[in-house]
Amino acid sequence: MSTPKELRYSEEHEWVKTEGEKVRIGITHFAQSELGDIVFVELPSVGDEVKADEPFGSVESVKTVSELYAPVSGKVVEVNEDLDDNPEFVNESPYEKAWMIVVELSDASQLDNLMTAEQYDEMTQED
């Protein structure tokens, strides 16, 4: 699967899609393939604050539990509740159905710290 060029990426394997003053966040195809079959997703609630580089939730696979790290800081304004009943969306559709949260940015300049698709591909090929 190719890495979507219009998104930005964190070193912790989250993707970020800019939508005006908000961003939509999920985990990458690479991350879900490393984790294996996802069986549970734990996400924050609407209204919670997330802080860049700090955990905001977790995904549980048949292999392990992994924390999710916020790529940016801000307030959670939307949560993908479909993942409660369908955690497999993370494996099936990491960039479409399996977005996790929408955050209202507190500092848009944090987006400049994220990688382009090309930079992310380089990083994951080194792993």
Protein backbone atom coordinates (compact mmCIF):
# COMPACT_ATOMS: atom_id res chain seq x y z
CA MET A 1 0.00 0.00 0.00
CA SER A 2 1.34 3.42 -0.87
CA THR A 3 1.65 6.12 1.76
CA PRO A 4 -0.91 8.88 1.04
CA LYS A 5 1.02 11.97 -0.11
CA GLU A 6 -1.49 14.52 1.23
CA LEU A 7 -1.01 13.42 4.85
CA ARG A 8 1.72 14.22 7.38
CA TYR A 9 3.32 11.58 9.63
CA SER A 10 4.81 11.27 13.11
CA GLU A 11 7.78 9.15 14.16
CA GLU A 12 5.31 7.17 16.30
CA HIS A 13 3.43 6.08 13.12
CA GLU A 14 0.37 8.33 13.35
CA TRP A 15 -0.95 10.12 10.28
CA VAL A 16 -2.45 13.60 10.26
CA LYS A 17 -4.89 15.04 7.75
CA THR A 18 -5.35 18.81 7.91
CA GLU A 19 -8.98 19.97 7.69
CA GLY A 20 -8.89 23.74 8.18
CA GLU A 21 -8.27 24.49 11.87
CA LYS A 22 -8.68 20.80 12.73
CA VAL A 23 -6.76 17.63 12.03
CA ARG A 24 -7.94 14.04 11.66
CA ILE A 25 -5.57 11.46 13.20
CA GLY A 26 -5.09 7.72 12.78
CA ILE A 27 -2.32 5.13 12.59
CA THR A 28 -0.48 4.24 9.42
CA HIS A 29 -0.71 1.15 7.26
CA PHE A 30 2.85 0.31 8.33
CA ALA A 31 1.90 0.49 12.03
CA GLN A 32 -1.19 -1.70 11.70
CA SER A 33 0.74 -4.28 9.67
CA GLU A 34 3.43 -4.46 12.38
CA LEU A 35 0.80 -4.84 15.13
CA GLY A 36 -1.24 -7.59 13.48
CA ASP A 37 -4.99 -8.08 13.96
CA ILE A 38 -6.42 -5.21 16.02
CA VAL A 39 -9.02 -6.40 18.55
CA PHE A 40 -9.63 -3.26 20.66
CA VAL A 41 -9.13 0.50 20.36
CA GLU A 42 -9.19 2.85 23.37
CA LEU A 43 -9.65 6.53 22.55
CA PRO A 44 -10.14 9.75 24.53
CA SER A 45 -13.50 11.48 24.90
CA VAL A 46 -14.75 14.55 23.06
CA GLY A 47 -13.57 17.57 25.03
CA ASP A 48 -10.34 15.96 26.25
CA GLU A 49 -7.07 17.77 25.62
CA VAL A 50 -4.23 15.92 23.89
CA LYS A 51 -0.61 17.00 24.02
CA ALA A 52 1.95 16.45 21.26
CA ASP A 53 4.18 13.41 21.84
CA GLU A 54 2.07 12.17 24.77
CA PRO A 55 -0.24 9.12 24.78
CA PHE A 56 -3.91 9.69 23.91
CA GLY A 57 -5.13 6.11 23.71
CA SER A 58 -4.10 2.60 22.78
CA VAL A 59 -4.67 -0.19 20.31
CA GLU A 60 -4.70 -3.82 21.33
CA SER A 61 -3.79 -6.53 18.85
CA VAL A 62 -3.57 -10.26 19.21
CA LYS A 63 0.19 -9.71 19.76
CA THR A 64 0.45 -6.65 22.00
CA VAL A 65 -0.99 -3.40 23.35
CA SER A 66 0.52 -0.22 21.90
CA GLU A 67 0.02 3.34 23.03
CA LEU A 68 -1.09 5.98 20.56
CA TYR A 69 0.88 9.23 20.68
CA ALA A 70 -0.63 12.57 19.76
CA PRO A 71 1.26 14.13 16.85
CA VAL A 72 -0.12 17.59 17.77
CA SER A 73 -1.70 19.35 20.75
CA GLY A 74 -5.31 20.44 20.98
CA LYS A 75 -8.84 19.60 22.00
CA VAL A 76 -10.60 16.43 20.85
CA VAL A 77 -13.75 17.49 18.96
CA GLU A 78 -14.69 14.15 17.41
CA VAL A 79 -14.00 10.46 18.14
CA ASN A 80 -14.52 7.58 15.72
CA GLU A 81 -17.02 5.52 17.71
CA ASP A 82 -17.26 2.98 14.86
CA LEU A 83 -13.98 1.55 16.15
CA ASP A 84 -15.70 0.44 19.39
CA ASP A 85 -17.58 -2.27 17.49
CA ASN A 86 -15.26 -2.57 14.50
CA PRO A 87 -11.61 -2.43 15.62
CA GLU A 88 -10.72 -4.44 12.51
CA PHE A 89 -11.22 -1.23 10.48
CA VAL A 90 -7.69 -0.30 11.62
CA ASN A 91 -6.35 -3.25 9.64
CA GLU A 92 -8.78 -3.02 6.74
CA SER A 93 -8.82 0.73 6.13
CA PRO A 94 -6.24 2.65 8.19
CA TYR A 95 -6.60 5.89 6.21
CA GLU A 96 -10.37 5.98 5.61
CA LYS A 97 -12.65 4.08 8.01
CA ALA A 98 -10.12 3.88 10.87
CA TRP A 99 -9.43 7.53 11.59
CA MET A 100 -9.36 7.81 15.38
CA ILE A 101 -9.85 11.38 16.55
CA VAL A 102 -10.34 14.90 15.22
CA VAL A 103 -8.42 17.58 17.11
CA GLU A 104 -8.86 21.34 17.10
CA LEU A 105 -5.26 22.53 16.92
CA SER A 106 -3.86 24.67 19.71
CA ASP A 107 -0.69 25.40 17.69
CA ALA A 108 -0.78 24.89 13.92
CA SER A 109 3.01 25.31 13.69
CA GLN A 110 3.33 21.80 15.20
CA LEU A 111 2.35 20.46 11.77
CA ASP A 112 5.74 21.64 10.52
CA ASN A 113 7.41 19.06 12.80
CA LEU A 114 5.70 16.16 11.02
CA MET A 115 7.13 14.17 8.13
CA THR A 116 6.05 14.13 4.52
CA ALA A 117 5.04 10.79 2.97
CA GLU A 118 8.49 10.52 1.37
CA GLN A 119 10.26 11.11 4.69
CA TYR A 120 7.99 8.60 6.43
CA ASP A 121 8.62 5.97 3.75
CA GLU A 122 12.38 6.48 4.17
CA MET A 123 12.08 6.03 7.94
CA THR A 124 10.00 2.85 7.75
CA GLN A 125 12.24 1.28 5.13
CA GLU A 126 15.17 1.67 7.53
CA ASP A 127 13.34 -0.25 10.30
